[in-house]
């Protein structure tokens, strides 16, 4: 797995020294619960998909059942 790195370089006694430090991962938190807006739009999507009677309507919603 590739994670972000911080690289430091320095010349010491005519040599190039390289130090590599693991950096913080960009995502610090994850919200497990959906917001009310996400729930509303998700429920509306699935209701519209189930209510679609023909294949053309289902294709407009991006899935076939």
PDB file of N, CA and C in Angstrom:
ATOM      1  N   UNK A   1       0.848  -1.157   0.000  1.00  0.00           N
ATOM      2  CA  UNK A   1       0.000   0.000   0.000  1.00  0.00           C
ATOM      3  C   UNK A   1       0.902   1.232   0.000  1.00  0.00           C
ATOM      4  N   UNK A   2       0.566   2.177  -0.844  1.00  0.00           N
ATOM      5  CA  UNK A   2       1.327   3.412  -0.919  1.00  0.00           C
ATOM      6  C   UNK A   2       0.634   4.487  -0.097  1.00  0.00           C
ATOM      7  N   UNK A   3       1.355   5.017   0.841  1.00  0.00           N
ATOM      8  CA  UNK A   3       0.833   6.083   1.680  1.00  0.00           C
ATOM      9  C   UNK A   3       1.638   7.350   1.416  1.00  0.00           C
ATOM     10  N   UNK A   4       1.120   8.497   1.792  1.00  0.00           N
ATOM     11  CA  UNK A   4       1.877   9.735   1.617  1.00  0.00           C
ATOM     12  C   UNK A   4       3.177   9.698   2.422  1.00  0.00           C
ATOM     13  N   UNK A   5       4.210  10.257   1.823  1.00  0.00           N
ATOM     14  CA  UNK A   5       5.511  10.309   2.475  1.00  0.00           C
ATOM     15  C   UNK A   5       6.027  11.728   2.509  1.00  0.00           C
ATOM     16  N   UNK A   6       6.878  12.005   3.502  1.00  0.00           N
ATOM     17  CA  UNK A   6       7.595  13.271   3.572  1.00  0.00           C
ATOM     18  C   UNK A   6       9.063  12.930   3.389  1.00  0.00           C
ATOM     19  N   UNK A   7       9.728  13.615   2.456  1.00  0.00           N
ATOM     20  CA  UNK A   7      11.120  13.330   2.146  1.00  0.00           C
ATOM     21  C   UNK A   7      11.964  14.539   2.516  1.00  0.00           C
ATOM     22  N   UNK A   8      13.038  14.296   3.243  1.00  0.00           N
ATOM     23  CA  UNK A   8      13.997  15.350   3.579  1.00  0.00           C
ATOM     24  C   UNK A   8      15.351  14.941   3.025  1.00  0.00           C
ATOM     25  N   UNK A   9      16.047  15.889   2.414  1.00  0.00           N
ATOM     26  CA  UNK A   9      17.375  15.609   1.869  1.00  0.00           C
ATOM     27  C   UNK A   9      18.388  16.574   2.466  1.00  0.00           C
ATOM     28  N   UNK A  10      19.636  16.107   2.550  1.00  0.00           N
ATOM     29  CA  UNK A  10      20.706  16.941   3.092  1.00  0.00           C
ATOM     30  C   UNK A  10      22.044  16.435   2.543  1.00  0.00           C
ATOM     31  N   UNK A  11      22.918  17.369   2.218  1.00  0.00           N
ATOM     32  CA  UNK A  11      24.287  17.014   1.869  1.00  0.00           C
ATOM     33  C   UNK A  11      25.128  17.029   3.135  1.00  0.00           C
ATOM     34  N   UNK A  12      25.825  15.937   3.371  1.00  0.00           N
ATOM     35  CA  UNK A  12      26.704  15.850   4.541  1.00  0.00           C
ATOM     36  C   UNK A  12      27.982  15.127   4.121  1.00  0.00           C
ATOM     37  N   UNK A  13      29.097  15.814   4.273  1.00  0.00           N
ATOM     38  CA  UNK A  13      30.397  15.246   3.897  1.00  0.00           C
ATOM     39  C   UNK A  13      30.401  14.758   2.446  1.00  0.00           C
ATOM     40  N   UNK A  14      29.889  15.580   1.546  1.00  0.00           N
ATOM     41  CA  UNK A  14      29.857  15.294   0.107  1.00  0.00           C
ATOM     42  C   UNK A  14      28.986  14.078  -0.236  1.00  0.00           C
ATOM     43  N   UNK A  15      28.068  13.733   0.643  1.00  0.00           N
ATOM     44  CA  UNK A  15      27.110  12.660   0.379  1.00  0.00           C
ATOM     45  C   UNK A  15      25.699  13.224   0.488  1.00  0.00           C
ATOM     46  N   UNK A  16      24.818  12.666  -0.272  1.00  0.00           N
ATOM     47  CA  UNK A  16      23.408  13.051  -0.193  1.00  0.00           C
ATOM     48  C   UNK A  16      22.706  12.095   0.761  1.00  0.00           C
ATOM     49  N   UNK A  17      22.187  12.634   1.849  1.00  0.00           N
ATOM     50  CA  UNK A  17      21.433  11.841   2.806  1.00  0.00           C
ATOM     51  C   UNK A  17      19.954  12.087   2.559  1.00  0.00           C
ATOM     52  N   UNK A  18      19.188  11.021   2.573  1.00  0.00           N
ATOM     53  CA  UNK A  18      17.740  11.099   2.331  1.00  0.00           C
ATOM     54  C   UNK A  18      17.033  10.463   3.522  1.00  0.00           C
ATOM     55  N   UNK A  19      16.094  11.193   4.082  1.00  0.00           N
ATOM     56  CA  UNK A  19      15.263  10.675   5.176  1.00  0.00           C
ATOM     57  C   UNK A  19      13.824  10.635   4.687  1.00  0.00           C
ATOM     58  N   UNK A  20      13.163   9.522   4.947  1.00  0.00           N
ATOM     59  CA  UNK A  20      11.778   9.346   4.516  1.00  0.00           C
ATOM     60  C   UNK A  20      10.924   9.103   5.757  1.00  0.00           C
ATOM     61  N   UNK A  21       9.878   9.909   5.890  1.00  0.00           N
ATOM     62  CA  UNK A  21       8.966   9.807   7.025  1.00  0.00           C
ATOM     63  C   UNK A  21       7.557   9.512   6.517  1.00  0.00           C
ATOM     64  N   UNK A  22       6.866   8.570   7.136  1.00  0.00           N
ATOM     65  CA  UNK A  22       5.451   8.396   6.768  1.00  0.00           C
ATOM     66  C   UNK A  22       4.679   9.643   7.182  1.00  0.00           C
ATOM     67  N   UNK A  23       3.801  10.104   6.297  1.00  0.00           N
ATOM     68  CA  UNK A  23       3.026  11.307   6.549  1.00  0.00           C
ATOM     69  C   UNK A  23       1.625  10.913   6.998  1.00  0.00           C
ATOM     70  N   UNK A  24       0.904  11.870   7.524  1.00  0.00           N
ATOM     71  CA  UNK A  24      -0.474  11.629   7.951  1.00  0.00           C
ATOM     72  C   UNK A  24      -1.335  11.247   6.748  1.00  0.00           C
ATOM     73  N   UNK A  25      -2.235  10.325   6.951  1.00  0.00           N
ATOM     74  CA  UNK A  25      -3.190   9.981   5.903  1.00  0.00           C
ATOM     75  C   UNK A  25      -4.215  11.101   5.835  1.00  0.00           C
ATOM     76  N   UNK A  26      -4.626  11.456   4.623  1.00  0.00           N
ATOM     77  CA  UNK A  26      -5.468  12.628   4.408  1.00  0.00           C
ATOM     78  C   UNK A  26      -6.816  12.529   5.120  1.00  0.00           C
ATOM     79  N   UNK A  27      -7.398  11.352   5.188  1.00  0.00           N
ATOM     80  CA  UNK A  27      -8.725  11.204   5.798  1.00  0.00           C
ATOM     81  C   UNK A  27      -8.541  10.861   7.267  1.00  0.00           C
ATOM     82  N   UNK A  28      -8.979  11.766   8.120  1.00  0.00           N
ATOM     83  CA  UNK A  28      -8.828  11.544   9.556  1.00  0.00           C
ATOM     84  C   UNK A  28     -10.057  10.924  10.198  1.00  0.00           C
ATOM     85  N   UNK A  29     -11.235  11.224   9.651  1.00  0.00           N
ATOM     86  CA  UNK A  29     -12.461  10.697  10.240  1.00  0.00           C
ATOM     87  C   UNK A  29     -13.377  10.160   9.152  1.00  0.00           C
ATOM     88  N   UNK A  30     -14.294   9.344   9.559  1.00  0.00           N
ATOM     89  CA  UNK A  30     -15.304   8.810   8.647  1.00  0.00           C
ATOM     90  C   UNK A  30     -16.641   8.831   9.369  1.00  0.00           C
ATOM     91  N   UNK A  31     -17.610   9.469   8.752  1.00  0.00           N
ATOM     92  CA  UNK A  31     -18.937   9.508   9.345  1.00  0.00           C
ATOM     93  C   UNK A  31     -19.698   8.267   8.908  1.00  0.00           C
ATOM     94  N   UNK A  32     -20.049   7.434   9.853  1.00  0.00           N
ATOM     95  CA  UNK A  32     -20.718   6.181   9.529  1.00  0.00           C
ATOM     96  C   UNK A  32     -22.183   6.382   9.172  1.00  0.00           C
ATOM     97  N   UNK A  33     -22.818   7.375   9.758  1.00  0.00           N
ATOM     98  CA  UNK A  33     -24.233   7.606   9.510  1.00  0.00           C
ATOM     99  C   UNK A  33     -24.434   8.547   8.331  1.00  0.00           C
ATOM    100  N   UNK A  34     -25.495   8.310   7.594  1.00  0.00           N
ATOM    101  CA  UNK A  34     -25.839   9.196   6.489  1.00  0.00           C
ATOM    102  C   UNK A  34     -26.545  10.437   7.025  1.00  0.00           C
ATOM    103  N   UNK A  35     -26.404  11.528   6.296  1.00  0.00           N
ATOM    104  CA  UNK A  35     -27.151  12.728   6.657  1.00  0.00           C
ATOM    105  C   UNK A  35     -28.605  12.540   6.249  1.00  0.00           C
ATOM    106  N   UNK A  36     -29.479  13.397   6.751  1.00  0.00           N
ATOM    107  CA  UNK A  36     -30.899  13.312   6.383  1.00  0.00           C
ATOM    108  C   UNK A  36     -31.085  13.486   4.886  1.00  0.00           C
ATOM    109  N   UNK A  37     -30.333  14.401   4.305  1.00  0.00           N
ATOM    110  CA  UNK A  37     -30.437  14.654   2.859  1.00  0.00           C
ATOM    111  C   UNK A  37     -30.001  13.419   2.059  1.00  0.00           C
ATOM    112  N   UNK A  38     -28.906  12.771   2.478  1.00  0.00           N
ATOM    113  CA  UNK A  38     -28.459  11.556   1.796  1.00  0.00           C
ATOM    114  C   UNK A  38     -29.495  10.444   1.922  1.00  0.00           C
ATOM    115  N   UNK A  39     -30.101  10.312   3.090  1.00  0.00           N
ATOM    116  CA  UNK A  39     -31.132   9.299   3.274  1.00  0.00           C
ATOM    117  C   UNK A  39     -32.330   9.573   2.379  1.00  0.00           C
ATOM    118  N   UNK A  40     -32.767  10.844   2.313  1.00  0.00           N
ATOM    119  CA  UNK A  40     -33.928  11.219   1.505  1.00  0.00           C
ATOM    120  C   UNK A  40     -33.684  10.916   0.029  1.00  0.00           C
ATOM    121  N   UNK A  41     -32.525  11.343  -0.487  1.00  0.00           N
ATOM    122  CA  UNK A  41     -32.220  11.109  -1.895  1.00  0.00           C
ATOM    123  C   UNK A  41     -32.017   9.625  -2.189  1.00  0.00           C
ATOM    124  N   UNK A  42     -31.416   8.897  -1.263  1.00  0.00           N
ATOM    125  CA  UNK A  42     -31.223   7.461  -1.455  1.00  0.00           C
ATOM    126  C   UNK A  42     -32.540   6.717  -1.501  1.00  0.00           C
ATOM    127  N   UNK A  43     -33.449   7.049  -0.587  1.00  0.00           N
ATOM    128  CA  UNK A  43     -34.767   6.397  -0.584  1.00  0.00           C
ATOM    129  C   UNK A  43     -35.547   6.741  -1.852  1.00  0.00           C
ATOM    130  N   UNK A  44     -35.478   7.993  -2.291  1.00  0.00           N
ATOM    131  CA  UNK A  44     -36.180   8.401  -3.509  1.00  0.00           C
ATOM    132  C   UNK A  44     -35.631   7.649  -4.720  1.00  0.00           C
ATOM    133  N   UNK A  45     -34.313   7.460  -4.778  1.00  0.00           N
ATOM    134  CA  UNK A  45     -33.695   6.735  -5.892  1.00  0.00           C
ATOM    135  C   UNK A  45     -34.204   5.297  -5.943  1.00  0.00           C
ATOM    136  N   UNK A  46     -34.151   4.595  -4.806  1.00  0.00           N
ATOM    137  CA  UNK A  46     -34.558   3.199  -4.808  1.00  0.00           C
ATOM    138  C   UNK A  46     -36.057   3.030  -5.051  1.00  0.00           C
ATOM    139  N   UNK A  47     -36.864   3.946  -4.554  1.00  0.00           N
ATOM    140  CA  UNK A  47     -38.306   3.883  -4.831  1.00  0.00           C
ATOM    141  C   UNK A  47     -38.576   4.093  -6.311  1.00  0.00           C
ATOM    142  N   UNK A  48     -37.897   5.052  -6.934  1.00  0.00           N
ATOM    143  CA  UNK A  48     -38.086   5.301  -8.365  1.00  0.00           C
ATOM    144  C   UNK A  48     -37.608   4.109  -9.182  1.00  0.00           C
ATOM    145  N   UNK A  49     -36.531   3.494  -8.770  1.00  0.00           N
ATOM    146  CA  UNK A  49     -36.013   2.330  -9.498  1.00  0.00           C
ATOM    147  C   UNK A  49     -36.984   1.165  -9.413  1.00  0.00           C
ATOM    148  N   UNK A  50     -37.524   0.916  -8.242  1.00  0.00           N
ATOM    149  CA  UNK A  50     -38.473  -0.194  -8.083  1.00  0.00           C
ATOM    150  C   UNK A  50     -39.793   0.090  -8.781  1.00  0.00           C
ATOM    151  N   UNK A  51     -40.165   1.368  -8.850  1.00  0.00           N
ATOM    152  CA  UNK A  51     -41.430   1.726  -9.496  1.00  0.00           C
ATOM    153  C   UNK A  51     -41.325   1.692 -11.022  1.00  0.00           C
ATOM    154  N   UNK A  52     -40.117   1.692 -11.560  1.00  0.00           N
ATOM    155  CA  UNK A  52     -39.947   1.684 -13.015  1.00  0.00           C
ATOM    156  C   UNK A  52     -40.440   0.342 -13.561  1.00  0.00           C
ATOM    157  N   UNK A  53     -41.389   0.405 -14.454  1.00  0.00           N
ATOM    158  CA  UNK A  53     -42.013  -0.822 -14.962  1.00  0.00           C
ATOM    159  C   UNK A  53     -41.250  -1.413 -16.149  1.00  0.00           C
ATOM    160  N   UNK A  54     -40.709  -0.572 -17.012  1.00  0.00           N
ATOM    161  CA  UNK A  54     -40.067  -1.089 -18.223  1.00  0.00           C
ATOM    162  C   UNK A  54     -38.543  -0.902 -18.156  1.00  0.00           C
ATOM    163  N   UNK A  55     -37.844  -1.591 -19.055  1.00  0.00           N
ATOM    164  CA  UNK A  55     -36.387  -1.544 -19.061  1.00  0.00           C
ATOM    165  C   UNK A  55     -35.843  -0.150 -19.365  1.00  0.00           C
ATOM    166  N   UNK A  56     -36.535   0.628 -20.220  1.00  0.00           N
ATOM    167  CA  UNK A  56     -36.045   1.966 -20.555  1.00  0.00           C
ATOM    168  C   UNK A  56     -36.011   2.869 -19.318  1.00  0.00           C
ATOM    169  N   UNK A  57     -37.042   2.797 -18.492  1.00  0.00           N
ATOM    170  CA  UNK A  57     -37.074   3.609 -17.273  1.00  0.00           C
ATOM    171  C   UNK A  57     -35.977   3.173 -16.314  1.00  0.00           C
ATOM    172  N   UNK A  58     -35.726   1.876 -16.238  1.00  0.00           N
ATOM    173  CA  UNK A  58     -34.671   1.384 -15.351  1.00  0.00           C
ATOM    174  C   UNK A  58     -33.287   1.799 -15.851  1.00  0.00           C
ATOM    175  N   UNK A  59     -33.094   1.800 -17.156  1.00  0.00           N
ATOM    176  CA  UNK A  59     -31.806   2.214 -17.713  1.00  0.00           C
ATOM    177  C   UNK A  59     -31.531   3.689 -17.416  1.00  0.00           C
ATOM    178  N   UNK A  60     -32.587   4.520 -17.388  1.00  0.00           N
ATOM    179  CA  UNK A  60     -32.407   5.933 -17.059  1.00  0.00           C
ATOM    180  C   UNK A  60     -31.918   6.097 -15.634  1.00  0.00           C
ATOM    181  N   UNK A  61     -32.282   5.159 -14.763  1.00  0.00           N
ATOM    182  CA  UNK A  61     -31.842   5.211 -13.369  1.00  0.00           C
ATOM    183  C   UNK A  61     -30.518   4.479 -13.165  1.00  0.00           C
ATOM    184  N   UNK A  62     -29.975   3.885 -14.218  1.00  0.00           N
ATOM    185  CA  UNK A  62     -28.646   3.328 -14.138  1.00  0.00           C
ATOM    186  C   UNK A  62     -28.542   1.869 -13.739  1.00  0.00           C
ATOM    187  N   UNK A  63     -29.651   1.156 -13.632  1.00  0.00           N
ATOM    188  CA  UNK A  63     -29.556  -0.255 -13.237  1.00  0.00           C
ATOM    189  C   UNK A  63     -30.659  -1.057 -13.912  1.00  0.00           C
ATOM    190  N   UNK A  64     -30.420  -2.335 -13.976  1.00  0.00           N
ATOM    191  CA  UNK A  64     -31.468  -3.257 -14.387  1.00  0.00           C
ATOM    192  C   UNK A  64     -31.644  -4.265 -13.264  1.00  0.00           C
ATOM    193  N   UNK A  65     -32.862  -4.611 -12.982  1.00  0.00           N
ATOM    194  CA  UNK A  65     -33.127  -5.584 -11.916  1.00  0.00           C
ATOM    195  C   UNK A  65     -33.528  -6.907 -12.496  1.00  0.00           C
TER     196      UNK A  65
END
